[in-house]
Amino acid sequence: MRRRGDNPAARSKKSMSPQLRTPAATMNRRGLQLIAKRPMGIAVNQARAFPLAALSLGAVGLWAITALARRRGPAKTVLQATQRRR
């Protein structure tokens, strides 16, 4: 009969934890290397798979850009920025 709170899976996980760190780090590093090779393709596939999320993210990005532009005020042209006030 098992004692209360005695979980063999948790005990084995704790004992194996140091041994699993290296393979896990290697897998994470390799995954990032694969993503770095084709980030645009992954972004396009992600947008195709989740169109509502992509649309929402685009709308939030557009809103953030317009909010920042409003806070900064109207943009000056190059000519206006280089002219001195008299």
PDB file of N, CA and C in Angstrom:
ATOM      1  N   MET A   1       0.843  -1.178   0.000  1.00  0.00           N
ATOM      2  CA  MET A   1       0.000   0.000   0.000  1.00  0.00           C
ATOM      3  C   MET A   1       0.892   1.247   0.000  1.00  0.00           C
ATOM      4  N   ARG A   2       0.556   2.160  -0.914  1.00  0.00           N
ATOM      5  CA  ARG A   2       1.348   3.396  -0.996  1.00  0.00           C
ATOM      6  C   ARG A   2       0.955   4.359   0.100  1.00  0.00           C
ATOM      7  N   ARG A   3       1.962   5.102   0.533  1.00  0.00           N
ATOM      8  CA  ARG A   3       1.686   6.143   1.514  1.00  0.00           C
ATOM      9  C   ARG A   3       1.077   7.335   0.815  1.00  0.00           C
ATOM     10  N   ARG A   4       0.345   8.106   1.549  1.00  0.00           N
ATOM     11  CA  ARG A   4      -0.259   9.305   1.005  1.00  0.00           C
ATOM     12  C   ARG A   4       0.844  10.308   0.649  1.00  0.00           C
ATOM     13  N   GLY A   5       0.754  10.883  -0.550  1.00  0.00           N
ATOM     14  CA  GLY A   5       1.748  11.842  -0.985  1.00  0.00           C
ATOM     15  C   GLY A   5       2.961  11.200  -1.637  1.00  0.00           C
ATOM     16  N   ASP A   6       2.980   9.874  -1.709  1.00  0.00           N
ATOM     17  CA  ASP A   6       4.094   9.167  -2.321  1.00  0.00           C
ATOM     18  C   ASP A   6       3.780   8.972  -3.803  1.00  0.00           C
ATOM     19  N   ASN A   7       4.484   9.677  -4.640  1.00  0.00           N
ATOM     20  CA  ASN A   7       4.239   9.602  -6.077  1.00  0.00           C
ATOM     21  C   ASN A   7       5.511   9.118  -6.752  1.00  0.00           C
ATOM     22  N   PRO A   8       5.532   7.877  -7.240  1.00  0.00           N
ATOM     23  CA  PRO A   8       6.761   7.360  -7.835  1.00  0.00           C
ATOM     24  C   PRO A   8       7.180   8.130  -9.079  1.00  0.00           C
ATOM     25  N   ALA A   9       6.214   8.625  -9.850  1.00  0.00           N
ATOM     26  CA  ALA A   9       6.553   9.389 -11.058  1.00  0.00           C
ATOM     27  C   ALA A   9       7.267  10.684 -10.689  1.00  0.00           C
ATOM     28  N   ALA A  10       6.793  11.343  -9.650  1.00  0.00           N
ATOM     29  CA  ALA A  10       7.427  12.593  -9.213  1.00  0.00           C
ATOM     30  C   ALA A  10       8.829  12.328  -8.682  1.00  0.00           C
ATOM     31  N   ARG A  11       9.003  11.221  -7.950  1.00  0.00           N
ATOM     32  CA  ARG A  11      10.325  10.885  -7.429  1.00  0.00           C
ATOM     33  C   ARG A  11      11.299  10.591  -8.558  1.00  0.00           C
ATOM     34  N   SER A  12      10.850   9.839  -9.554  1.00  0.00           N
ATOM     35  CA  SER A  12      11.761   9.514 -10.655  1.00  0.00           C
ATOM     36  C   SER A  12      12.080  10.756 -11.480  1.00  0.00           C
ATOM     37  N   LYS A  13      11.103  11.654 -11.611  1.00  0.00           N
ATOM     38  CA  LYS A  13      11.350  12.902 -12.342  1.00  0.00           C
ATOM     39  C   LYS A  13      12.403  13.740 -11.627  1.00  0.00           C
ATOM     40  N   LYS A  14      12.308  13.802 -10.311  1.00  0.00           N
ATOM     41  CA  LYS A  14      13.290  14.569  -9.546  1.00  0.00           C
ATOM     42  C   LYS A  14      14.681  13.957  -9.658  1.00  0.00           C
ATOM     43  N   SER A  15      14.743  12.638  -9.635  1.00  0.00           N
ATOM     44  CA  SER A  15      16.051  12.001  -9.693  1.00  0.00           C
ATOM     45  C   SER A  15      16.661  12.079 -11.093  1.00  0.00           C
ATOM     46  N   MET A  16      15.837  12.140 -12.133  1.00  0.00           N
ATOM     47  CA  MET A  16      16.327  12.201 -13.509  1.00  0.00           C
ATOM     48  C   MET A  16      16.562  13.638 -13.989  1.00  0.00           C
ATOM     49  N   SER A  17      16.110  14.623 -13.246  1.00  0.00           N
ATOM     50  CA  SER A  17      16.171  16.012 -13.681  1.00  0.00           C
ATOM     51  C   SER A  17      17.560  16.464 -14.131  1.00  0.00           C
ATOM     52  N   PRO A  18      18.619  16.221 -13.371  1.00  0.00           N
ATOM     53  CA  PRO A  18      19.945  16.661 -13.828  1.00  0.00           C
ATOM     54  C   PRO A  18      20.379  15.999 -15.132  1.00  0.00           C
ATOM     55  N   GLN A  19      19.968  14.742 -15.327  1.00  0.00           N
ATOM     56  CA  GLN A  19      20.361  14.030 -16.537  1.00  0.00           C
ATOM     57  C   GLN A  19      19.592  14.506 -17.764  1.00  0.00           C
ATOM     58  N   LEU A  20      18.410  15.086 -17.565  1.00  0.00           N
ATOM     59  CA  LEU A  20      17.581  15.525 -18.683  1.00  0.00           C
ATOM     60  C   LEU A  20      17.870  16.955 -19.114  1.00  0.00           C
ATOM     61  N   ARG A  21      18.604  17.706 -18.330  1.00  0.00           N
ATOM     62  CA  ARG A  21      18.862  19.107 -18.666  1.00  0.00           C
ATOM     63  C   ARG A  21      19.663  19.249 -19.950  1.00  0.00           C
ATOM     64  N   THR A  22      20.707  18.475 -20.116  1.00  0.00           N
ATOM     65  CA  THR A  22      21.567  18.586 -21.297  1.00  0.00           C
ATOM     66  C   THR A  22      20.830  18.240 -22.588  1.00  0.00           C
ATOM     67  N   PRO A  23      20.108  17.111 -22.658  1.00  0.00           N
ATOM     68  CA  PRO A  23      19.366  16.835 -23.899  1.00  0.00           C
ATOM     69  C   PRO A  23      18.282  17.873 -24.181  1.00  0.00           C
ATOM     70  N   ALA A  24      17.635  18.373 -23.137  1.00  0.00           N
ATOM     71  CA  ALA A  24      16.603  19.383 -23.338  1.00  0.00           C
ATOM     72  C   ALA A  24      17.207  20.669 -23.885  1.00  0.00           C
ATOM     73  N   ALA A  25      18.347  21.069 -23.360  1.00  0.00           N
ATOM     74  CA  ALA A  25      19.013  22.284 -23.849  1.00  0.00           C
ATOM     75  C   ALA A  25      19.456  22.105 -25.293  1.00  0.00           C
ATOM     76  N   THR A  26      19.937  20.918 -25.626  1.00  0.00           N
ATOM     77  CA  THR A  26      20.350  20.633 -27.000  1.00  0.00           C
ATOM     78  C   THR A  26      19.157  20.707 -27.949  1.00  0.00           C
ATOM     79  N   MET A  27      18.030  20.145 -27.535  1.00  0.00           N
ATOM     80  CA  MET A  27      16.822  20.182 -28.377  1.00  0.00           C
ATOM     81  C   MET A  27      16.336  21.619 -28.574  1.00  0.00           C
ATOM     82  N   ASN A  28      16.345  22.415 -27.522  1.00  0.00           N
ATOM     83  CA  ASN A  28      15.925  23.811 -27.642  1.00  0.00           C
ATOM     84  C   ASN A  28      16.836  24.591 -28.578  1.00  0.00           C
ATOM     85  N   ARG A  29      18.137  24.390 -28.439  1.00  0.00           N
ATOM     86  CA  ARG A  29      19.102  25.078 -29.285  1.00  0.00           C
ATOM     87  C   ARG A  29      18.900  24.694 -30.756  1.00  0.00           C
ATOM     88  N   ARG A  30      18.686  23.403 -31.005  1.00  0.00           N
ATOM     89  CA  ARG A  30      18.490  22.936 -32.382  1.00  0.00           C
ATOM     90  C   ARG A  30      17.187  23.492 -32.953  1.00  0.00           C
ATOM     91  N   GLY A  31      16.149  23.566 -32.143  1.00  0.00           N
ATOM     92  CA  GLY A  31      14.891  24.140 -32.604  1.00  0.00           C
ATOM     93  C   GLY A  31      15.055  25.603 -33.000  1.00  0.00           C
ATOM     94  N   LEU A  32      15.800  26.360 -32.206  1.00  0.00           N
ATOM     95  CA  LEU A  32      16.032  27.766 -32.538  1.00  0.00           C
ATOM     96  C   LEU A  32      16.876  27.911 -33.799  1.00  0.00           C
ATOM     97  N   GLN A  33      17.826  26.999 -34.002  1.00  0.00           N
ATOM     98  CA  GLN A  33      18.631  27.035 -35.223  1.00  0.00           C
ATOM     99  C   GLN A  33      17.760  26.788 -36.450  1.00  0.00           C
ATOM    100  N   LEU A  34      16.823  25.861 -36.347  1.00  0.00           N
ATOM    101  CA  LEU A  34      15.938  25.570 -37.480  1.00  0.00           C
ATOM    102  C   LEU A  34      14.992  26.736 -37.764  1.00  0.00           C
ATOM    103  N   ILE A  35      14.501  27.372 -36.716  1.00  0.00           N
ATOM    104  CA  ILE A  35      13.607  28.524 -36.898  1.00  0.00           C
ATOM    105  C   ILE A  35      14.366  29.685 -37.528  1.00  0.00           C
ATOM    106  N   ALA A  36      15.621  29.877 -37.144  1.00  0.00           N
ATOM    107  CA  ALA A  36      16.410  31.000 -37.655  1.00  0.00           C
ATOM    108  C   ALA A  36      16.667  30.887 -39.154  1.00  0.00           C
ATOM    109  N   LYS A  37      16.612  29.674 -39.701  1.00  0.00           N
ATOM    110  CA  LYS A  37      16.882  29.497 -41.127  1.00  0.00           C
ATOM    111  C   LYS A  37      15.764  30.018 -42.012  1.00  0.00           C
ATOM    112  N   ARG A  38      14.512  29.970 -41.539  1.00  0.00           N
ATOM    113  CA  ARG A  38      13.399  30.411 -42.384  1.00  0.00           C
ATOM    114  C   ARG A  38      12.285  31.060 -41.557  1.00  0.00           C
ATOM    115  N   PRO A  39      12.562  32.205 -40.954  1.00  0.00           N
ATOM    116  CA  PRO A  39      11.552  32.837 -40.098  1.00  0.00           C
ATOM    117  C   PRO A  39      10.345  33.351 -40.887  1.00  0.00           C
ATOM    118  N   MET A  40      10.550  33.834 -42.113  1.00  0.00           N
ATOM    119  CA  MET A  40       9.424  34.363 -42.883  1.00  0.00           C
ATOM    120  C   MET A  40       8.447  33.247 -43.261  1.00  0.00           C
ATOM    121  N   GLY A  41       8.975  32.106 -43.647  1.00  0.00           N
ATOM    122  CA  GLY A  41       8.109  30.980 -43.993  1.00  0.00           C
ATOM    123  C   GLY A  41       7.297  30.512 -42.806  1.00  0.00           C
ATOM    124  N   ILE A  42       7.910  30.500 -41.647  1.00  0.00           N
ATOM    125  CA  ILE A  42       7.197  30.095 -40.436  1.00  0.00           C
ATOM    126  C   ILE A  42       6.120  31.120 -40.095  1.00  0.00           C
ATOM    127  N   ALA A  43       6.418  32.400 -40.254  1.00  0.00           N
ATOM    128  CA  ALA A  43       5.429  33.448 -39.971  1.00  0.00           C
ATOM    129  C   ALA A  43       4.236  33.336 -40.918  1.00  0.00           C
ATOM    130  N   VAL A  44       4.502  33.069 -42.196  1.00  0.00           N
ATOM    131  CA  VAL A  44       3.413  32.932 -43.171  1.00  0.00           C
ATOM    132  C   VAL A  44       2.562  31.714 -42.843  1.00  0.00           C
ATOM    133  N   ASN A  45       3.190  30.602 -42.538  1.00  0.00           N
ATOM    134  CA  ASN A  45       2.432  29.402 -42.173  1.00  0.00           C
ATOM    135  C   ASN A  45       1.597  29.618 -40.920  1.00  0.00           C
ATOM    136  N   GLN A  46       2.155  30.336 -39.964  1.00  0.00           N
ATOM    137  CA  GLN A  46       1.434  30.635 -38.731  1.00  0.00           C
ATOM    138  C   GLN A  46       0.213  31.501 -39.029  1.00  0.00           C
ATOM    139  N   ALA A  47       0.368  32.485 -39.902  1.00  0.00           N
ATOM    140  CA  ALA A  47      -0.742  33.364 -40.258  1.00  0.00           C
ATOM    141  C   ALA A  47      -1.819  32.595 -41.014  1.00  0.00           C
ATOM    142  N   ARG A  48      -1.417  31.650 -41.844  1.00  0.00           N
ATOM    143  CA  ARG A  48      -2.401  30.831 -42.563  1.00  0.00           C
ATOM    144  C   ARG A  48      -3.143  29.899 -41.615  1.00  0.00           C
ATOM    145  N   ALA A  49      -2.438  29.371 -40.637  1.00  0.00           N
ATOM    146  CA  ALA A  49      -3.054  28.429 -39.709  1.00  0.00           C
ATOM    147  C   ALA A  49      -4.005  29.124 -38.738  1.00  0.00           C
ATOM    148  N   PHE A  50      -3.664  30.339 -38.341  1.00  0.00           N
ATOM    149  CA  PHE A  50      -4.478  31.075 -37.374  1.00  0.00           C
ATOM    150  C   PHE A  50      -4.791  32.462 -37.928  1.00  0.00           C
ATOM    151  N   PRO A  51      -5.690  32.559 -38.912  1.00  0.00           N
ATOM    152  CA  PRO A  51      -5.925  33.859 -39.557  1.00  0.00           C
ATOM    153  C   PRO A  51      -6.527  34.903 -38.608  1.00  0.00           C
ATOM    154  N   LEU A  52      -7.393  34.491 -37.711  1.00  0.00           N
ATOM    155  CA  LEU A  52      -7.995  35.452 -36.790  1.00  0.00           C
ATOM    156  C   LEU A  52      -6.949  36.027 -35.842  1.00  0.00           C
ATOM    157  N   ALA A  53      -6.065  35.191 -35.360  1.00  0.00           N
ATOM    158  CA  ALA A  53      -5.006  35.667 -34.466  1.00  0.00           C
ATOM    159  C   ALA A  53      -4.059  36.605 -35.215  1.00  0.00           C
ATOM    160  N   ALA A  54      -3.733  36.262 -36.469  1.00  0.00           N
ATOM    161  CA  ALA A  54      -2.846  37.117 -37.258  1.00  0.00           C
ATOM    162  C   ALA A  54      -3.501  38.464 -37.529  1.00  0.00           C
ATOM    163  N   LEU A  55      -4.776  38.450 -37.846  1.00  0.00           N
ATOM    164  CA  LEU A  55      -5.499  39.688 -38.106  1.00  0.00           C
ATOM    165  C   LEU A  55      -5.570  40.542 -36.836  1.00  0.00           C
ATOM    166  N   SER A  56      -5.833  39.903 -35.714  1.00  0.00           N
ATOM    167  CA  SER A  56      -5.893  40.634 -34.443  1.00  0.00           C
ATOM    168  C   SER A  56      -4.536  41.239 -34.092  1.00  0.00           C
ATOM    169  N   LEU A  57      -3.485  40.471 -34.289  1.00  0.00           N
ATOM    170  CA  LEU A  57      -2.145  40.972 -33.989  1.00  0.00           C
ATOM    171  C   LEU A  57      -1.791  42.141 -34.903  1.00  0.00           C
ATOM    172  N   GLY A  58      -2.163  42.049 -36.173  1.00  0.00           N
ATOM    173  CA  GLY A  58      -1.922  43.152 -37.103  1.00  0.00           C
ATOM    174  C   GLY A  58      -2.694  44.402 -36.705  1.00  0.00           C
ATOM    175  N   ALA A  59      -3.938  44.221 -36.272  1.00  0.00           N
ATOM    176  CA  ALA A  59      -4.754  45.364 -35.855  1.00  0.00           C
ATOM    177  C   ALA A  59      -4.170  46.025 -34.613  1.00  0.00           C
ATOM    178  N   VAL A  60      -3.707  45.233 -33.669  1.00  0.00           N
ATOM    179  CA  VAL A  60      -3.096  45.785 -32.455  1.00  0.00           C
ATOM    180  C   VAL A  60      -1.810  46.531 -32.803  1.00  0.00           C
ATOM    181  N   GLY A  61      -1.021  45.968 -33.711  1.00  0.00           N
ATOM    182  CA  GLY A  61       0.205  46.640 -34.140  1.00  0.00           C
ATOM    183  C   GLY A  61      -0.077  47.966 -34.822  1.00  0.00           C
ATOM    184  N   LEU A  62      -1.075  47.981 -35.689  1.00  0.00           N
ATOM    185  CA  LEU A  62      -1.455  49.222 -36.375  1.00  0.00           C
ATOM    186  C   LEU A  62      -1.968  50.253 -35.378  1.00  0.00           C
ATOM    187  N   TRP A  63      -2.762  49.800 -34.417  1.00  0.00           N
ATOM    188  CA  TRP A  63      -3.270  50.712 -33.391  1.00  0.00           C
ATOM    189  C   TRP A  63      -2.111  51.305 -32.584  1.00  0.00           C
ATOM    190  N   ALA A  64      -1.130  50.478 -32.226  1.00  0.00           N
ATOM    191  CA  ALA A  64       0.004  50.963 -31.435  1.00  0.00           C
ATOM    192  C   ALA A  64       0.816  51.995 -32.218  1.00  0.00           C
ATOM    193  N   ILE A  65       1.017  51.741 -33.503  1.00  0.00           N
ATOM    194  CA  ILE A  65       1.785  52.681 -34.325  1.00  0.00           C
ATOM    195  C   ILE A  65       1.055  54.013 -34.433  1.00  0.00           C
ATOM    196  N   THR A  66      -0.259  53.975 -34.667  1.00  0.00           N
ATOM    197  CA  THR A  66      -1.010  55.230 -34.785  1.00  0.00           C
ATOM    198  C   THR A  66      -1.077  55.959 -33.446  1.00  0.00           C
ATOM    199  N   ALA A  67      -1.176  55.217 -32.334  1.00  0.00           N
ATOM    200  CA  ALA A  67      -1.204  55.866 -31.018  1.00  0.00           C
ATOM    201  C   ALA A  67       0.117  56.570 -30.742  1.00  0.00           C
ATOM    202  N   LEU A  68       1.223  55.948 -31.096  1.00  0.00           N
ATOM    203  CA  LEU A  68       2.528  56.586 -30.904  1.00  0.00           C
ATOM    204  C   LEU A  68       2.674  57.809 -31.808  1.00  0.00           C
ATOM    205  N   ALA A  69       2.189  57.705 -33.031  1.00  0.00           N
ATOM    206  CA  ALA A  69       2.297  58.832 -33.955  1.00  0.00           C
ATOM    207  C   ALA A  69       1.466  60.018 -33.472  1.00  0.00           C
ATOM    208  N   ARG A  70       0.305  59.753 -32.921  1.00  0.00           N
ATOM    209  CA  ARG A  70      -0.536  60.845 -32.404  1.00  0.00           C
ATOM    210  C   ARG A  70       0.105  61.524 -31.212  1.00  0.00           C
ATOM    211  N   ARG A  71       0.742  60.737 -30.371  1.00  0.00           N
ATOM    212  CA  ARG A  71       1.342  61.302 -29.170  1.00  0.00           C
ATOM    213  C   ARG A  71       2.533  62.193 -29.525  1.00  0.00           C
ATOM    214  N   ARG A  72       3.262  61.855 -30.570  1.00  0.00           N
ATOM    215  CA  ARG A  72       4.432  62.634 -30.962  1.00  0.00           C
ATOM    216  C   ARG A  72       4.049  63.909 -31.684  1.00  0.00           C
ATOM    217  N   GLY A  73       2.856  63.992 -32.200  1.00  0.00           N
ATOM    218  CA  GLY A  73       2.426  65.173 -32.928  1.00  0.00           C
ATOM    219  C   GLY A  73       2.691  65.014 -34.412  1.00  0.00           C
ATOM    220  N   PRO A  74       2.357  66.045 -35.187  1.00  0.00           N
ATOM    221  CA  PRO A  74       2.549  65.935 -36.634  1.00  0.00           C
ATOM    222  C   PRO A  74       4.025  65.850 -36.990  1.00  0.00           C
ATOM    223  N   ALA A  75       4.312  65.048 -37.973  1.00  0.00           N
ATOM    224  CA  ALA A  75       5.694  64.869 -38.401  1.00  0.00           C
ATOM    225  C   ALA A  75       6.162  66.077 -39.194  1.00  0.00           C
ATOM    226  N   LYS A  76       7.422  66.446 -38.999  1.00  0.00           N
ATOM    227  CA  LYS A  76       7.991  67.554 -39.750  1.00  0.00           C
ATOM    228  C   LYS A  76       8.628  67.015 -41.013  1.00  0.00           C
ATOM    229  N   THR A  77       8.570  67.800 -42.047  1.00  0.00           N
ATOM    230  CA  THR A  77       9.274  67.409 -43.260  1.00  0.00           C
ATOM    231  C   THR A  77      10.755  67.716 -43.072  1.00  0.00           C
ATOM    232  N   VAL A  78      11.577  67.216 -43.942  1.00  0.00           N
ATOM    233  CA  VAL A  78      13.012  67.467 -43.855  1.00  0.00           C
ATOM    234  C   VAL A  78      13.280  68.960 -43.982  1.00  0.00           C
ATOM    235  N   LEU A  79      12.548  69.640 -44.861  1.00  0.00           N
ATOM    236  CA  LEU A  79      12.724  71.073 -45.061  1.00  0.00           C
ATOM    237  C   LEU A  79      12.374  71.843 -43.793  1.00  0.00           C
ATOM    238  N   GLN A  80      11.283  71.482 -43.150  1.00  0.00           N
ATOM    239  CA  GLN A  80      10.887  72.170 -41.925  1.00  0.00           C
ATOM    240  C   GLN A  80      11.891  71.923 -40.801  1.00  0.00           C
ATOM    241  N   ALA A  81      12.431  70.755 -40.740  1.00  0.00           N
ATOM    242  CA  ALA A  81      13.364  70.420 -39.673  1.00  0.00           C
ATOM    243  C   ALA A  81      14.696  71.143 -39.840  1.00  0.00           C
ATOM    244  N   THR A  82      15.086  71.450 -41.072  1.00  0.00           N
ATOM    245  CA  THR A  82      16.380  72.084 -41.307  1.00  0.00           C
ATOM    246  C   THR A  82      16.311  73.606 -41.278  1.00  0.00           C
ATOM    247  N   GLN A  83      15.144  74.185 -41.430  1.00  0.00           N
ATOM    248  CA  GLN A  83      15.020  75.638 -41.407  1.00  0.00           C
ATOM    249  C   GLN A  83      15.137  76.159 -39.977  1.00  0.00           C
ATOM    250  N   ARG A  84      15.772  77.328 -39.847  1.00  0.00           N
ATOM    251  CA  ARG A  84      15.884  77.949 -38.547  1.00  0.00           C
ATOM    252  C   ARG A  84      14.727  78.914 -38.344  1.00  0.00           C
ATOM    253  N   ARG A  85      14.381  79.078 -37.095  1.00  0.00           N
ATOM    254  CA  ARG A  85      13.364  80.085 -36.778  1.00  0.00           C
ATOM    255  C   ARG A  85      13.990  81.448 -36.770  1.00  0.00           C
ATOM    256  N   ARG A  86      13.315  82.419 -37.344  1.00  0.00           N
ATOM    257  CA  ARG A  86      13.861  83.782 -37.372  1.00  0.00           C
ATOM    258  C   ARG A  86      13.112  84.680 -36.462  1.00  0.00           C
TER     259      ARG A  86
END
